[in-house]
Amino acid sequence: MVLPGTIWFLIFCYLPMFGTIIAFKDFKIHRDGFFASVLNSKWVGLENFNFLFSTEDAYIITRNTILYNVALISLGLVLAVGIAITLNELVNKRMAKVYQTAMFMPYFLSWVIISFFTFSFLSVDKGILNQVIVYFGGDPVSWYGDTRFWPYILIFMGIWKSIGYSSVVYLAAIAGIDKSYYEAAMIDGASKWQQIKFITLPLLKPLMVTLTILAIGGIFRSDFGLFYQIPRDSGVLYSVTNVIDTYIYRSMSTTGNLGMSTAAGLYQSIVGFIMVIVTNSIVKKISKENAIF
């Protein structure tokens, strides 16, 4: 039963690690194929990493990447747990399934489709929001030309798309909790809030810690579709929407340098690995039984 998963990891996770050598080479396509291209390309050391740190945008893209991920991870955790507990406490289980399905649907939509929905709300001349503002006597807002609103818009859209999936994970964990705990609590006169506080949340804590540690491992990565498609690649908004992934894409689309993109991916992976180790070490000092390893 483990064999298919092992083969999948070997083919798609471990074998491609050979390609990380491209991050240290001036990669040029060779007529004899990929491996010949890697071997015959000139070794340039850490030169490919310079483009991430030598530009004046380095601080902006790093700041945006970290702060957006911190907001999405923290808010996503709180809201996902809260929604999962709320759905579990609903008396009408049929309606709970309806709510759960409705919240899960956005997870299957691509960011391209969502970007058109967003544009229908934020369009300057025909957007729903601007029509409402004008109806009440206000002036239309140039949403795609004003940076003030976009941190909130991007965080809201990121949470809206992922919250359904995250809440299902916690809802499944709640369903696995032994019902005898709640029965004993009710016999002792515990209220619903006390049952949640002293039974549900403590038993969810290991899962919450594990998923948070794994999420922190990707803190230097961003959801490319969210930060590229939703703002519609508006140059005016780059100061608040540009993250490492979108910056790399725009750089690679103009230069076509595969070595630079590989260097950026390797940098993100190394930082993510370090973040997982550090976070897990902190958790181990606070509560050893909740650490991943």
Protein backbone atom coordinates (compact mmCIF):
# COMPACT_ATOMS: atom_id res chain seq x y z
CA MET A 1 0.00 0.00 0.00
CA VAL A 2 2.94 2.34 0.59
CA LEU A 3 4.59 1.50 -2.75
CA PRO A 4 2.48 3.79 -5.05
CA GLY A 5 3.09 6.78 -2.80
CA THR A 6 6.79 5.98 -2.58
CA ILE A 7 7.08 5.76 -6.37
CA TRP A 8 5.21 9.05 -6.74
CA PHE A 9 7.61 10.82 -4.37
CA LEU A 10 10.67 9.34 -6.08
CA ILE A 11 9.55 10.44 -9.55
CA PHE A 12 8.09 13.86 -8.79
CA CYS A 13 9.99 14.96 -5.66
CA TYR A 14 13.40 13.32 -5.44
CA LEU A 15 14.49 12.81 -9.05
CA PRO A 16 13.81 16.46 -9.98
CA MET A 17 16.23 17.51 -7.21
CA PHE A 18 19.00 16.84 -9.74
CA GLY A 19 17.76 19.94 -11.55
CA THR A 20 18.74 22.22 -8.64
CA ILE A 21 22.23 22.31 -10.13
CA ILE A 22 20.78 24.66 -12.75
CA ALA A 23 20.60 27.32 -10.04
CA PHE A 24 24.41 27.48 -10.13
CA LYS A 25 24.80 27.45 -13.91
CA ASP A 26 24.24 29.76 -16.86
CA PHE A 27 21.75 27.34 -18.40
CA LYS A 28 21.81 27.08 -22.19
CA ILE A 29 19.78 24.65 -24.28
CA HIS A 30 21.96 22.00 -25.93
CA ARG A 31 20.94 20.04 -29.01
CA ASP A 32 21.63 16.71 -27.28
CA GLY A 33 18.87 17.16 -24.71
CA PHE A 34 18.28 18.32 -21.16
CA PHE A 35 21.05 16.43 -19.39
CA ALA A 36 23.61 17.55 -21.96
CA SER A 37 22.37 21.11 -21.49
CA VAL A 38 22.90 20.88 -17.72
CA LEU A 39 26.37 19.35 -18.03
CA ASN A 40 27.60 21.72 -20.75
CA SER A 41 26.25 24.93 -19.24
CA LYS A 42 28.79 27.25 -17.63
CA TRP A 43 29.15 27.14 -13.83
CA VAL A 44 28.44 30.62 -12.39
CA GLY A 45 28.20 29.86 -8.67
CA LEU A 46 25.89 32.18 -6.76
CA GLU A 47 25.50 34.67 -9.59
CA ASN A 48 21.91 33.58 -10.30
CA PHE A 49 20.92 34.46 -6.74
CA ASN A 50 22.03 38.07 -7.11
CA PHE A 51 18.95 39.16 -9.04
CA LEU A 52 16.73 38.54 -6.00
CA PHE A 53 18.81 40.73 -3.70
CA SER A 54 20.48 43.28 -5.96
CA THR A 55 17.26 45.01 -7.02
CA GLU A 56 15.59 47.84 -5.14
CA ASP A 57 12.40 45.75 -5.11
CA ALA A 58 13.99 43.04 -2.94
CA TYR A 59 12.70 44.57 0.31
CA ILE A 60 9.19 45.14 -1.08
CA ILE A 61 8.67 41.63 -2.43
CA THR A 62 10.12 40.01 0.70
CA ARG A 63 7.97 42.19 2.99
CA ASN A 64 4.81 41.53 0.99
CA THR A 65 5.44 37.78 0.81
CA ILE A 66 6.01 37.39 4.55
CA LEU A 67 3.25 39.73 5.79
CA TYR A 68 0.58 38.33 3.48
CA ASN A 69 1.45 34.77 4.46
CA VAL A 70 1.43 35.63 8.17
CA ALA A 71 -2.03 37.17 7.79
CA LEU A 72 -3.38 34.28 5.71
CA ILE A 73 -1.96 31.62 8.04
CA SER A 74 -3.17 33.23 11.28
CA LEU A 75 -6.61 34.31 10.06
CA GLY A 76 -7.06 31.06 8.15
CA LEU A 77 -6.34 29.03 11.29
CA VAL A 78 -8.76 30.96 13.50
CA LEU A 79 -11.59 31.08 10.94
CA ALA A 80 -11.18 27.45 9.82
CA VAL A 81 -11.35 26.14 13.40
CA GLY A 82 -14.25 28.47 14.22
CA ILE A 83 -16.27 27.43 11.17
CA ALA A 84 -15.56 23.74 11.76
CA ILE A 85 -16.79 23.99 15.36
CA THR A 86 -19.86 25.98 14.26
CA LEU A 87 -20.81 23.42 11.61
CA ASN A 88 -20.32 20.60 14.10
CA GLU A 89 -22.63 22.30 16.60
CA LEU A 90 -25.49 22.88 14.14
CA VAL A 91 -28.53 20.86 15.09
CA ASN A 92 -29.80 20.55 11.51
CA LYS A 93 -27.11 18.32 9.99
CA ARG A 94 -28.68 18.50 6.53
CA MET A 95 -28.22 22.28 6.46
CA ALA A 96 -24.72 21.85 7.87
CA LYS A 97 -23.87 19.74 4.81
CA VAL A 98 -25.30 22.44 2.55
CA TYR A 99 -23.19 25.16 4.24
CA GLN A 100 -20.12 22.95 4.12
CA THR A 101 -20.55 22.26 0.41
CA ALA A 102 -21.15 25.95 -0.35
CA MET A 103 -17.95 26.98 1.44
CA PHE A 104 -15.97 24.19 -0.21
CA MET A 105 -16.95 25.18 -3.78
CA PRO A 106 -14.56 28.18 -4.16
CA TYR A 107 -11.61 25.84 -3.54
CA PHE A 108 -12.25 24.21 -6.93
CA LEU A 109 -12.42 27.47 -8.88
CA SER A 110 -9.30 28.71 -10.66
CA TRP A 111 -7.96 32.16 -9.91
CA VAL A 112 -8.55 33.13 -13.54
CA ILE A 113 -12.31 32.62 -13.14
CA ILE A 114 -12.31 34.31 -9.73
CA SER A 115 -10.43 37.29 -11.18
CA PHE A 116 -13.30 37.91 -13.64
CA PHE A 117 -15.83 37.69 -10.81
CA THR A 118 -13.73 40.16 -8.82
CA PHE A 119 -13.51 42.50 -11.82
CA SER A 120 -17.31 42.47 -12.12
CA PHE A 121 -17.41 43.95 -8.61
CA LEU A 122 -14.45 46.32 -8.88
CA SER A 123 -14.67 47.61 -12.45
CA VAL A 124 -14.53 51.40 -12.47
CA ASP A 125 -17.42 52.02 -14.87
CA LYS A 126 -19.63 48.92 -14.59
CA GLY A 127 -18.57 47.34 -11.31
CA ILE A 128 -21.28 46.48 -8.81
CA LEU A 129 -19.54 48.25 -5.93
CA ASN A 130 -19.11 51.49 -7.85
CA GLN A 131 -22.73 51.39 -8.97
CA VAL A 132 -23.80 51.09 -5.33
CA ILE A 133 -21.48 53.94 -4.33
CA VAL A 134 -22.83 56.19 -7.10
CA TYR A 135 -26.41 55.27 -6.21
CA PHE A 136 -25.86 56.60 -2.68
CA GLY A 137 -24.29 59.79 -4.02
CA GLY A 138 -20.60 58.92 -3.82
CA ASP A 139 -17.85 59.07 -6.43
CA PRO A 140 -16.71 55.88 -8.20
CA VAL A 141 -13.45 54.41 -6.92
CA SER A 142 -10.58 53.41 -9.20
CA TRP A 143 -10.03 50.09 -7.46
CA TYR A 144 -7.25 48.94 -9.79
CA GLY A 145 -5.39 52.22 -9.41
CA ASP A 146 -5.49 52.68 -5.63
CA THR A 147 -3.15 50.65 -3.41
CA ARG A 148 -5.00 51.36 -0.14
CA PHE A 149 -7.62 48.65 -0.54
CA TRP A 150 -5.61 45.77 -1.98
CA PRO A 151 -4.02 44.27 1.14
CA TYR A 152 -7.55 43.74 2.49
CA ILE A 153 -8.91 42.52 -0.85
CA LEU A 154 -6.12 39.98 -1.34
CA ILE A 155 -6.34 38.65 2.22
CA PHE A 156 -10.13 38.39 1.95
CA MET A 157 -9.96 36.55 -1.39
CA GLY A 158 -7.25 34.19 -0.16
CA ILE A 159 -9.26 33.30 2.95
CA TRP A 160 -12.53 33.02 0.99
CA LYS A 161 -11.06 30.49 -1.44
CA SER A 162 -9.24 28.29 1.07
CA ILE A 163 -11.41 28.44 4.17
CA GLY A 164 -13.81 25.72 3.02
CA TYR A 165 -11.07 23.15 2.51
CA SER A 166 -9.32 24.04 5.78
CA SER A 167 -12.53 23.84 7.80
CA VAL A 168 -13.32 20.37 6.38
CA VAL A 169 -9.96 19.10 7.67
CA TYR A 170 -10.75 20.32 11.20
CA LEU A 171 -14.35 19.14 10.94
CA ALA A 172 -13.10 15.63 10.16
CA ALA A 173 -10.84 15.79 13.22
CA ILE A 174 -13.77 16.89 15.40
CA ALA A 175 -15.86 14.01 14.08
CA GLY A 176 -13.14 11.63 15.28
CA ILE A 177 -13.29 12.83 18.89
CA ASP A 178 -14.73 10.24 21.27
CA LYS A 179 -18.34 11.25 22.08
CA SER A 180 -17.98 9.91 25.61
CA TYR A 181 -15.96 13.01 26.50
CA TYR A 182 -18.91 15.25 25.67
CA GLU A 183 -21.37 12.93 27.42
CA ALA A 184 -19.28 13.03 30.59
CA ALA A 185 -19.03 16.84 30.32
CA MET A 186 -22.82 17.19 29.94
CA ILE A 187 -23.37 14.98 32.98
CA ASP A 188 -21.07 17.34 34.93
CA GLY A 189 -23.16 20.30 33.75
CA ALA A 190 -20.68 21.77 31.23
CA SER A 191 -22.11 24.29 28.78
CA LYS A 192 -21.48 24.16 25.03
CA TRP A 193 -18.75 26.78 25.33
CA GLN A 194 -17.07 24.85 28.14
CA GLN A 195 -17.19 21.66 26.06
CA ILE A 196 -15.55 23.51 23.16
CA LYS A 197 -12.95 25.15 25.42
CA PHE A 198 -11.94 22.11 27.45
CA ILE A 199 -12.55 19.23 25.01
CA THR A 200 -12.71 20.27 21.34
CA LEU A 201 -9.92 22.83 21.23
CA PRO A 202 -7.37 20.83 23.30
CA LEU A 203 -7.96 17.74 21.14
CA LEU A 204 -7.64 19.82 17.97
CA LYS A 205 -4.42 21.42 19.18
CA PRO A 206 -1.98 18.77 17.75
CA LEU A 207 -3.55 19.09 14.28
CA MET A 208 -3.57 22.89 14.50
CA VAL A 209 0.11 22.94 15.44
CA THR A 210 1.10 20.46 12.72
CA LEU A 211 -0.74 22.30 9.93
CA THR A 212 0.61 25.66 11.13
CA ILE A 213 4.21 24.41 11.15
CA LEU A 214 3.80 23.06 7.60
CA ALA A 215 2.20 26.34 6.50
CA ILE A 216 5.10 28.32 7.98
CA GLY A 217 7.41 26.18 5.84
CA GLY A 218 5.85 27.83 2.80
CA ILE A 219 5.96 31.37 4.17
CA PHE A 220 8.36 32.47 1.40
CA ARG A 221 6.04 31.06 -1.24
CA SER A 222 2.83 32.69 -2.38
CA ASP A 223 -0.28 31.68 -4.24
CA PHE A 224 0.73 32.95 -7.67
CA GLY A 225 -2.82 33.12 -9.01
CA LEU A 226 -4.01 35.23 -6.09
CA PHE A 227 -1.31 37.88 -6.46
CA TYR A 228 -1.14 37.90 -10.26
CA GLN A 229 -4.66 37.24 -11.52
CA ILE A 230 -6.81 39.08 -8.96
CA PRO A 231 -5.03 42.49 -9.35
CA ARG A 232 -4.98 41.82 -13.13
CA ASP A 233 -1.23 42.51 -13.21
CA SER A 234 -1.81 46.22 -12.63
CA GLY A 235 1.55 47.98 -12.50
CA VAL A 236 0.18 50.69 -10.22
CA LEU A 237 -0.45 48.09 -7.54
CA TYR A 238 2.98 46.42 -7.59
CA SER A 239 4.02 48.03 -4.31
CA VAL A 240 1.31 46.04 -2.44
CA THR A 241 0.71 43.06 -4.75
CA ASN A 242 4.20 42.12 -5.90
CA VAL A 243 5.57 39.03 -4.11
CA ILE A 244 8.55 36.79 -4.77
CA ASP A 245 6.64 34.45 -7.09
CA THR A 246 5.15 37.19 -9.27
CA TYR A 247 8.47 39.05 -9.37
CA ILE A 248 10.23 35.90 -10.56
CA TYR A 249 7.58 35.28 -13.21
CA ARG A 250 7.84 38.80 -14.59
CA SER A 251 11.63 38.62 -14.56
CA MET A 252 11.69 35.26 -16.29
CA SER A 253 9.12 36.29 -18.90
CA THR A 254 11.42 39.11 -19.98
CA THR A 255 14.83 37.44 -19.63
CA GLY A 256 13.96 33.75 -20.12
CA ASN A 257 16.78 32.82 -17.74
CA LEU A 258 15.99 29.36 -16.33
CA GLY A 259 18.95 29.50 -13.96
CA MET A 260 17.52 32.51 -12.14
CA SER A 261 14.10 30.93 -11.67
CA THR A 262 15.70 27.73 -10.35
CA ALA A 263 17.82 29.78 -7.94
CA ALA A 264 14.72 31.54 -6.64
CA GLY A 265 12.90 28.23 -6.15
CA LEU A 266 15.90 26.76 -4.32
CA TYR A 267 16.12 29.85 -2.11
CA GLN A 268 12.44 29.55 -1.18
CA SER A 269 12.82 25.83 -0.43
CA ILE A 270 15.87 26.31 1.79
CA VAL A 271 14.24 29.14 3.75
CA GLY A 272 11.04 27.08 4.08
CA PHE A 273 13.03 24.10 5.39
CA ILE A 274 14.80 26.30 7.93
CA MET A 275 11.48 27.81 9.04
CA VAL A 276 9.98 24.34 9.61
CA ILE A 277 13.00 23.25 11.68
CA VAL A 278 13.02 26.45 13.76
CA THR A 279 9.25 26.45 14.33
CA ASN A 280 9.23 22.78 15.26
CA SER A 281 12.09 23.36 17.71
CA ILE A 282 10.15 26.18 19.38
CA VAL A 283 7.03 24.01 19.62
CA LYS A 284 9.12 21.16 21.05
CA LYS A 285 10.42 23.41 23.86
CA ILE A 286 6.89 24.60 24.69
CA SER A 287 4.98 21.34 24.24
CA LYS A 288 7.10 18.37 23.15
CA GLU A 289 4.14 16.08 22.41
CA ASN A 290 2.76 18.51 19.79
CA ALA A 291 5.95 18.77 17.74
CA ILE A 292 6.10 17.05 14.36
CA PHE A 293 9.46 15.39 15.07
